[in-house]
Amino acid sequence: MPDTSYQEMINVKKQFFKTDGIQCFHAVQSFVKGEITPEQAHEIGMKLAEELWGDKFQVVVTTHLNTDNLHNHFVLNSVSFLDGKKFCNTKKDYAIMRKTSDRLCEEYGLNVLSQEEKYNKYATSRLYKELMKDSIDYAIENAKDYNEFIKVLQDLDYIVTDKNNILSIRRDPYKRNTRIKRQFGNKYSKENIYKRILETQPLYPYSSNPMVLITRTLENYNKQKEKHYQNKGSIGYLIYQYEKLFDISTESTLKSNITKITPELIAEIKKMDEYSNQARFLAKNNINTEQELLDFEKAAYERVNPLKSKMENLWKKHKRAKTNEEKQAIENEIIEISKQITPIAEEIRHCNNILQRVEKIKRHQLHEQIEREKAQFEKDQEKNKKDNNKAR
């Protein structure tokens, strides 16, 4: 019964000494608008729960009438009342649930999605979530504060809802909000987004006009290439040759008539910004060899680790603070420390990225060398063969 279901589930957990970990599992079964009554929807939901879990697990089944599409919610106790074993939620279980639901719906003469429709719906949803996550990361990296973070998302055509300390976004033509923290994990909670913004201050102020971004990055990119990639023995020159080799250039893309930021454009802008920033970093710190880069990275970690530890302690203190005045004072301290961390973290990031690119270049050069030696060997073999034939 609704009034006692929670306590009944808790009693089972206590009976088998399994009160920790995942408490429940949640599933939804939805129906096409206008083709079913609430009573029928609930009846199908009860049959589904009984068939899938009824002999081992307690399940609460509720039928919701608050949307155009009637739908059932299932809340499943994670511990079995039969043997105390925990429910293992796998892709196979999900597939069985869909198959059983489809069969029951067909028995009632209801519509079900075809396999192609199911795949298309899944693929589209997955791409949408990936784009959403990339957009959130981009907004965090390019915003100087939380309000500007919201503004960046809005400029990327997202509808942002920040209500009751829950941050949700969506983008047309999708009608349903996505709770960021629930979808992408604790790293995307409001508190951690705020922290990440503080720790990742953008090199340039954000501009809602994409053409400003394009002009800025293209000019900087070209200037830094000309200025800092001249020394043939340096890492910078090695990277420059790598870019030429693989034709890493987005000038033609950026010179087209672009009037709006797109996911593709975001990626291109970030790529050019990264190359330009790496060039400045190498020149500013007079780094010309791989060992110098490794030494610089080690020293940067030694500077940043104590600051990060201090910041973590302040956030713990912030959670325990009881008054707004205490919280504000702690936040001010955190902001000051983040200002010290930001440039060091940026230096470490450059070191990691440059080292990765250098390793890639080395592998490519080794591959090229092997190919040249192989070609030369084959050429010599062919020449020797011809010389032997002439001698005969």
Protein backbone atom coordinates (compact mmCIF):
# COMPACT_ATOMS: atom_id res chain seq x y z
CA MET A 1 0.00 0.00 0.00
CA PRO A 2 1.23 3.56 -0.70
CA ASP A 3 1.22 4.52 2.97
CA THR A 4 3.44 1.62 4.05
CA SER A 5 5.52 0.80 0.92
CA TYR A 6 8.58 2.79 2.02
CA GLN A 7 8.73 1.16 5.45
CA GLU A 8 8.12 -2.30 3.97
CA MET A 9 11.12 -1.87 1.65
CA ILE A 10 13.29 -0.61 4.52
CA ASN A 11 12.27 -3.63 6.63
CA VAL A 12 13.46 -6.00 3.89
CA LYS A 13 16.81 -4.19 3.67
CA LYS A 14 17.26 -4.42 7.44
CA GLN A 15 16.26 -8.07 7.46
CA PHE A 16 19.17 -8.94 5.14
CA PHE A 17 21.57 -6.28 6.55
CA LYS A 18 21.76 -4.47 3.21
CA THR A 19 20.79 -0.89 3.98
CA ASP A 20 23.64 0.81 2.12
CA GLY A 21 24.38 1.36 -1.58
CA ILE A 22 21.69 1.84 -4.22
CA GLN A 23 18.29 1.97 -2.52
CA CYS A 24 15.91 1.64 -5.47
CA PHE A 25 15.68 1.45 -9.27
CA HIS A 26 13.33 3.58 -11.34
CA ALA A 27 11.70 2.89 -14.72
CA VAL A 28 9.03 4.57 -16.87
CA GLN A 29 6.51 3.12 -19.35
CA SER A 30 4.82 5.67 -21.63
CA PHE A 31 1.80 5.42 -23.97
CA VAL A 32 0.72 7.27 -27.11
CA LYS A 33 -1.54 10.26 -26.45
CA GLY A 34 -5.28 9.46 -26.50
CA GLU A 35 -5.09 5.71 -27.16
CA ILE A 36 -5.52 4.39 -23.62
CA THR A 37 -7.46 5.09 -20.40
CA PRO A 38 -5.79 5.60 -17.01
CA GLU A 39 -7.30 2.33 -15.78
CA GLN A 40 -5.87 0.38 -18.74
CA ALA A 41 -2.45 2.04 -18.34
CA HIS A 42 -2.33 1.07 -14.68
CA GLU A 43 -3.47 -2.47 -15.44
CA ILE A 44 -0.68 -2.92 -17.99
CA GLY A 45 1.84 -1.45 -15.56
CA MET A 46 0.78 -3.88 -12.84
CA LYS A 47 1.08 -6.83 -15.23
CA LEU A 48 4.54 -5.68 -16.32
CA ALA A 49 5.76 -5.33 -12.72
CA GLU A 50 4.29 -8.71 -11.73
CA GLU A 51 5.84 -10.51 -14.69
CA LEU A 52 9.32 -8.97 -14.41
CA TRP A 53 9.87 -8.60 -10.68
CA GLY A 54 6.82 -9.77 -8.71
CA ASP A 55 8.27 -13.07 -7.48
CA LYS A 56 11.40 -11.52 -5.96
CA PHE A 57 11.20 -7.74 -5.51
CA GLN A 58 8.79 -5.21 -4.04
CA VAL A 59 7.59 -2.70 -6.65
CA VAL A 60 5.54 0.46 -6.39
CA VAL A 61 3.53 1.16 -9.58
CA THR A 62 2.01 4.62 -10.11
CA THR A 63 0.13 5.91 -13.15
CA HIS A 64 0.66 9.62 -13.87
CA LEU A 65 -1.98 11.74 -15.59
CA ASN A 66 -0.07 15.04 -15.47
CA THR A 67 1.10 15.04 -19.12
CA ASP A 68 -0.52 14.50 -22.52
CA ASN A 69 0.97 11.00 -22.55
CA LEU A 70 -0.23 8.71 -19.78
CA HIS A 71 2.75 6.92 -18.22
CA ASN A 72 3.61 4.49 -15.44
CA HIS A 73 6.44 4.87 -12.95
CA PHE A 74 8.03 1.83 -11.33
CA VAL A 75 10.11 2.04 -8.15
CA LEU A 76 11.86 -1.26 -7.43
CA ASN A 77 13.46 -2.18 -4.09
CA SER A 78 17.13 -2.98 -4.69
CA VAL A 79 17.02 -5.91 -2.21
CA SER A 80 14.96 -9.04 -2.87
CA PHE A 81 12.42 -10.07 -0.22
CA LEU A 82 12.89 -13.69 -1.32
CA ASP A 83 16.62 -14.26 -0.82
CA GLY A 84 18.15 -10.88 0.03
CA LYS A 85 20.07 -10.69 -3.23
CA LYS A 86 20.50 -7.27 -4.81
CA PHE A 87 18.97 -6.41 -8.15
CA CYS A 88 21.57 -6.19 -10.92
CA ASN A 89 20.48 -3.65 -13.50
CA THR A 90 22.01 -4.49 -16.90
CA LYS A 91 21.36 -3.71 -20.55
CA LYS A 92 19.86 -7.18 -20.83
CA ASP A 93 17.30 -6.33 -18.12
CA TYR A 94 16.40 -3.14 -19.96
CA ALA A 95 15.95 -5.04 -23.23
CA ILE A 96 13.71 -7.64 -21.52
CA MET A 97 11.62 -4.86 -19.99
CA ARG A 98 11.10 -3.20 -23.40
CA LYS A 99 10.26 -6.52 -25.04
CA THR A 100 7.75 -7.44 -22.31
CA SER A 101 6.19 -3.97 -22.39
CA ASP A 102 5.79 -4.16 -26.19
CA ARG A 103 4.14 -7.57 -25.97
CA LEU A 104 1.67 -6.43 -23.31
CA CYS A 105 0.83 -3.30 -25.32
CA GLU A 106 0.23 -5.36 -28.45
CA GLU A 107 -2.11 -7.64 -26.47
CA TYR A 108 -4.17 -4.54 -25.66
CA GLY A 109 -4.08 -3.40 -29.31
CA LEU A 110 -1.74 -0.45 -28.59
CA ASN A 111 1.01 1.03 -30.76
CA VAL A 112 4.66 0.16 -30.17
CA LEU A 113 7.84 1.59 -31.70
CA SER A 114 9.45 -0.31 -34.56
CA GLN A 115 13.09 -1.39 -34.19
CA GLU A 116 14.18 1.40 -36.56
CA GLU A 117 12.20 3.97 -34.59
CA LYS A 118 13.73 2.74 -31.34
CA TYR A 119 17.25 2.98 -32.74
CA ASN A 120 16.69 6.43 -34.26
CA LYS A 121 15.21 7.70 -31.02
CA TYR A 122 18.15 6.32 -29.04
CA ALA A 123 20.81 7.66 -31.43
CA THR A 124 19.24 11.12 -31.64
CA SER A 125 18.92 11.34 -27.87
CA ARG A 126 22.52 10.26 -27.35
CA LEU A 127 23.88 12.86 -29.79
CA TYR A 128 21.72 15.53 -28.14
CA LYS A 129 23.13 14.69 -24.70
CA GLU A 130 26.72 14.70 -26.00
CA LEU A 131 26.21 18.11 -27.62
CA MET A 132 24.62 19.39 -24.41
CA LYS A 133 27.60 18.25 -22.30
CA ASP A 134 30.11 19.84 -24.71
CA SER A 135 28.13 23.09 -24.65
CA ILE A 136 28.11 23.17 -20.84
CA ASP A 137 31.89 22.60 -20.74
CA TYR A 138 32.39 25.36 -23.31
CA ALA A 139 30.23 27.75 -21.27
CA ILE A 140 32.21 26.97 -18.09
CA GLU A 141 35.54 27.59 -19.84
CA ASN A 142 34.44 30.87 -21.40
CA ALA A 143 32.52 32.51 -18.53
CA LYS A 144 34.00 34.75 -15.87
CA ASP A 145 31.10 34.14 -13.44
CA TYR A 146 27.91 32.10 -13.04
CA ASN A 147 25.64 34.69 -14.66
CA GLU A 148 27.83 34.77 -17.75
CA PHE A 149 27.80 30.95 -17.81
CA ILE A 150 24.01 31.12 -18.15
CA LYS A 151 24.38 33.80 -20.86
CA VAL A 152 26.77 31.65 -22.91
CA LEU A 153 24.32 28.72 -22.83
CA GLN A 154 21.51 31.01 -23.90
CA ASP A 155 23.63 32.28 -26.80
CA LEU A 156 24.00 28.64 -27.84
CA ASP A 157 20.19 28.45 -28.08
CA TYR A 158 19.59 26.63 -24.80
CA ILE A 159 16.62 27.42 -22.58
CA VAL A 160 18.01 27.51 -19.03
CA THR A 161 15.94 26.94 -15.89
CA ASP A 162 17.49 27.58 -12.48
CA LYS A 163 14.82 26.84 -9.88
CA ASN A 164 14.99 25.53 -6.30
CA ASN A 165 18.77 25.18 -6.68
CA ILE A 166 18.26 22.76 -9.62
CA LEU A 167 19.82 23.71 -12.94
CA SER A 168 18.08 22.35 -16.07
CA ILE A 169 18.47 23.09 -19.77
CA ARG A 170 16.87 22.11 -23.05
CA ARG A 171 17.09 23.03 -26.69
CA ASP A 172 14.37 23.08 -29.35
CA PRO A 173 12.79 20.95 -30.70
CA TYR A 174 13.08 19.00 -27.41
CA LYS A 175 10.31 19.85 -24.94
CA ARG A 176 11.67 18.21 -21.81
CA ASN A 177 14.23 19.81 -19.49
CA THR A 178 17.40 17.91 -18.63
CA ARG A 179 18.68 18.23 -15.08
CA ILE A 180 22.40 18.75 -15.56
CA LYS A 181 23.61 17.15 -12.33
CA ARG A 182 21.34 14.11 -12.68
CA GLN A 183 22.35 13.55 -16.32
CA PHE A 184 26.11 14.18 -16.16
CA GLY A 185 27.07 13.56 -12.51
CA ASN A 186 28.22 15.53 -9.49
CA LYS A 187 30.90 17.36 -11.50
CA TYR A 188 27.99 19.32 -13.00
CA SER A 189 26.26 20.29 -9.75
CA LYS A 190 25.71 24.04 -9.31
CA GLU A 191 28.39 24.19 -6.63
CA ASN A 192 30.98 22.41 -8.77
CA ILE A 193 30.09 24.46 -11.86
CA TYR A 194 30.69 27.56 -9.74
CA LYS A 195 34.05 26.15 -8.60
CA ARG A 196 35.09 25.22 -12.13
CA ILE A 197 34.27 28.70 -13.40
CA LEU A 198 36.45 30.21 -10.67
CA GLU A 199 39.31 27.81 -11.44
CA THR A 200 39.11 28.25 -15.24
CA GLN A 201 39.02 31.95 -15.96
CA PRO A 202 38.94 32.62 -19.74
CA LEU A 203 41.96 34.24 -21.37
CA TYR A 204 39.68 36.67 -23.21
CA PRO A 205 36.28 38.13 -22.24
CA TYR A 206 33.36 36.25 -23.75
CA SER A 207 31.71 37.83 -26.78
CA SER A 208 28.24 36.83 -27.95
CA ASN A 209 29.26 37.83 -31.47
CA PRO A 210 30.98 34.81 -33.08
CA MET A 211 32.74 36.95 -35.66
CA VAL A 212 34.60 38.76 -32.88
CA LEU A 213 35.84 35.41 -31.62
CA ILE A 214 36.85 34.32 -35.11
CA THR A 215 38.80 37.48 -35.91
CA ARG A 216 40.55 37.41 -32.57
CA THR A 217 41.64 33.79 -32.69
CA LEU A 218 42.64 33.77 -36.36
CA GLU A 219 44.85 36.84 -35.99
CA ASN A 220 46.47 35.57 -32.78
CA TYR A 221 47.04 32.15 -34.26
CA ASN A 222 48.84 33.49 -37.33
CA LYS A 223 50.89 36.02 -35.36
CA GLN A 224 52.08 33.43 -32.86
CA LYS A 225 53.08 31.02 -35.62
CA GLU A 226 55.22 33.68 -37.31
CA LYS A 227 56.76 34.97 -34.09
CA HIS A 228 57.50 31.85 -32.06
CA TYR A 229 57.97 28.96 -34.48
CA GLN A 230 61.22 30.14 -36.06
CA ASN A 231 63.76 28.15 -34.01
CA LYS A 232 64.21 24.88 -35.87
CA GLY A 233 65.44 23.07 -32.76
CA SER A 234 62.49 24.01 -30.59
CA ILE A 235 59.32 22.17 -29.61
CA GLY A 236 57.35 25.00 -31.19
CA TYR A 237 58.93 24.40 -34.58
CA LEU A 238 58.23 20.68 -34.27
CA ILE A 239 54.55 21.42 -33.60
CA TYR A 240 54.44 23.87 -36.50
CA GLN A 241 55.76 21.21 -38.88
CA TYR A 242 53.20 18.78 -37.49
CA GLU A 243 50.40 21.24 -38.28
CA LYS A 244 51.68 21.67 -41.83
CA LEU A 245 52.00 17.94 -42.30
CA PHE A 246 48.41 17.22 -41.34
CA ASP A 247 47.02 20.45 -42.77
CA ILE A 248 45.65 21.58 -39.41
CA SER A 249 44.05 24.84 -40.49
CA THR A 250 40.58 26.26 -40.17
CA GLU A 251 41.03 29.52 -42.05
CA SER A 252 38.77 28.48 -44.93
CA THR A 253 36.07 27.48 -42.45
CA LEU A 254 36.29 30.75 -40.56
CA LYS A 255 36.28 32.92 -43.67
CA SER A 256 32.92 31.56 -44.74
CA ASN A 257 29.73 33.47 -43.98
CA ILE A 258 29.20 32.27 -40.43
CA THR A 259 26.52 34.16 -38.52
CA LYS A 260 25.91 31.88 -35.55
CA ILE A 261 27.96 29.74 -33.19
CA THR A 262 27.55 26.05 -33.94
CA PRO A 263 29.08 23.01 -32.21
CA GLU A 264 31.47 22.63 -35.14
CA LEU A 265 32.52 26.27 -34.93
CA ILE A 266 33.06 26.00 -31.18
CA ALA A 267 35.45 23.11 -31.76
CA GLU A 268 37.40 25.02 -34.45
CA ILE A 269 37.72 28.16 -32.32
CA LYS A 270 38.94 26.17 -29.35
CA LYS A 271 41.48 24.35 -31.54
CA MET A 272 43.01 27.58 -32.87
CA ASP A 273 42.97 29.21 -29.46
CA GLU A 274 44.86 26.23 -28.07
CA TYR A 275 47.64 26.39 -30.70
CA SER A 276 48.00 30.14 -30.25
CA ASN A 277 48.14 29.87 -26.45
CA GLN A 278 50.72 27.07 -26.60
CA ALA A 279 52.96 29.19 -28.81
CA ARG A 280 52.78 32.11 -26.36
CA PHE A 281 53.42 29.77 -23.43
CA LEU A 282 56.59 28.28 -24.95
CA ALA A 283 57.99 31.69 -25.92
CA LYS A 284 57.11 33.41 -22.63
CA ASN A 285 58.85 30.73 -20.53
CA ASN A 286 61.75 30.24 -22.96
CA ILE A 287 61.06 26.49 -23.24
CA ASN A 288 62.90 24.87 -26.15
CA THR A 289 63.45 21.24 -25.14
CA GLU A 290 61.30 18.43 -23.82
CA GLN A 291 63.31 18.25 -20.58
CA GLU A 292 62.78 21.96 -19.96
CA LEU A 293 59.05 21.39 -20.41
CA LEU A 294 59.05 18.47 -17.93
CA ASP A 295 60.98 20.51 -15.36
CA PHE A 296 58.56 23.41 -15.75
CA GLU A 297 55.56 21.08 -15.29
CA LYS A 298 57.02 19.57 -12.10
CA ALA A 299 57.63 23.01 -10.59
CA ALA A 300 54.07 24.08 -11.50
CA TYR A 301 52.57 21.08 -9.64
CA GLU A 302 54.67 21.93 -6.59
CA ARG A 303 53.20 25.44 -6.62
CA VAL A 304 49.55 24.51 -7.24
CA ASN A 305 49.01 21.49 -4.96
CA PRO A 306 49.16 23.40 -1.63
CA LEU A 307 46.73 26.00 -3.03
CA LYS A 308 44.26 23.31 -4.12
CA SER A 309 44.39 21.67 -0.69
CA LYS A 310 43.68 25.01 0.93
CA MET A 311 40.73 25.59 -1.41
CA GLU A 312 39.23 22.15 -0.67
CA ASN A 313 39.39 22.88 3.06
CA LEU A 314 37.66 26.21 2.51
CA TRP A 315 34.81 24.54 0.60
CA LYS A 316 34.34 22.10 3.49
CA LYS A 317 34.28 25.06 5.84
CA HIS A 318 31.78 26.78 3.52
CA LYS A 319 29.36 23.83 3.86
CA ARG A 320 29.52 24.06 7.66
CA ALA A 321 29.04 27.83 7.77
CA LYS A 322 25.76 28.84 9.39
CA THR A 323 25.39 32.49 8.37
CA ASN A 324 25.47 34.25 5.02
CA GLU A 325 28.23 36.53 6.35
CA GLU A 326 30.47 33.54 7.11
CA LYS A 327 29.77 32.02 3.70
CA GLN A 328 30.53 35.29 1.91
CA ALA A 329 33.84 35.70 3.76
CA ILE A 330 34.86 32.16 2.82
CA GLU A 331 33.81 32.69 -0.80
CA ASN A 332 36.00 35.80 -0.94
CA GLU A 333 38.96 33.73 0.26
CA ILE A 334 38.21 31.06 -2.33
CA ILE A 335 38.07 33.65 -5.11
CA GLU A 336 41.49 35.00 -4.10
CA ILE A 337 43.03 31.53 -4.07
CA SER A 338 41.39 30.64 -7.39
CA LYS A 339 43.02 33.71 -8.92
CA GLN A 340 46.38 32.23 -7.92
CA ILE A 341 45.49 28.73 -9.10
CA THR A 342 44.09 29.69 -12.51
CA PRO A 343 47.36 30.73 -14.25
CA ILE A 344 49.28 27.77 -12.79
CA ALA A 345 46.57 25.30 -13.83
CA GLU A 346 46.67 26.80 -17.32
CA GLU A 347 50.44 26.27 -17.45
CA ILE A 348 50.06 22.63 -16.41
CA ARG A 349 47.38 22.10 -19.03
CA HIS A 350 49.67 23.52 -21.72
CA CYS A 351 52.50 21.24 -20.58
CA ASN A 352 50.29 18.14 -20.76
CA ASN A 353 48.85 19.02 -24.17
CA ILE A 354 52.21 19.91 -25.70
CA LEU A 355 53.83 16.73 -24.38
CA GLN A 356 51.00 14.66 -25.87
CA ARG A 357 51.43 16.35 -29.24
CA VAL A 358 55.22 15.89 -29.12
CA GLU A 359 54.75 12.16 -28.48
CA LYS A 360 52.37 11.96 -31.42
CA ILE A 361 54.86 13.77 -33.62
CA LYS A 362 57.67 11.44 -32.54
CA ARG A 363 55.59 8.39 -33.40
CA HIS A 364 54.77 9.84 -36.79
CA GLN A 365 58.41 10.71 -37.47
CA LEU A 366 59.47 7.19 -36.49
CA HIS A 367 56.82 5.76 -38.80
CA GLU A 368 58.04 8.01 -41.62
CA GLN A 369 61.64 6.98 -41.03
CA ILE A 370 60.72 3.29 -41.15
CA GLU A 371 58.74 3.85 -44.37
CA ARG A 372 61.69 5.72 -45.95
CA GLU A 373 64.14 2.99 -44.98
CA LYS A 374 61.76 0.34 -46.30
CA ALA A 375 61.35 2.23 -49.57
CA GLN A 376 65.12 2.67 -49.87
CA PHE A 377 65.69 -1.03 -49.16
CA GLU A 378 63.17 -2.02 -51.85
CA LYS A 379 64.77 0.45 -54.24
CA ASP A 380 68.24 -1.01 -53.55
CA GLN A 381 66.90 -4.53 -53.99
CA GLU A 382 65.38 -3.61 -57.33
CA LYS A 383 68.64 -1.95 -58.44
CA ASN A 384 70.69 -4.99 -57.42
CA LYS A 385 68.29 -7.21 -59.32
CA LYS A 386 68.68 -5.14 -62.49
CA ASP A 387 72.48 -5.06 -62.11
CA ASN A 388 72.58 -8.83 -61.76
CA ASN A 389 70.45 -9.25 -64.88
CA LYS A 390 72.80 -6.99 -66.87
CA ALA A 391 75.81 -8.93 -65.66
CA ARG A 392 74.30 -12.12 -67.02
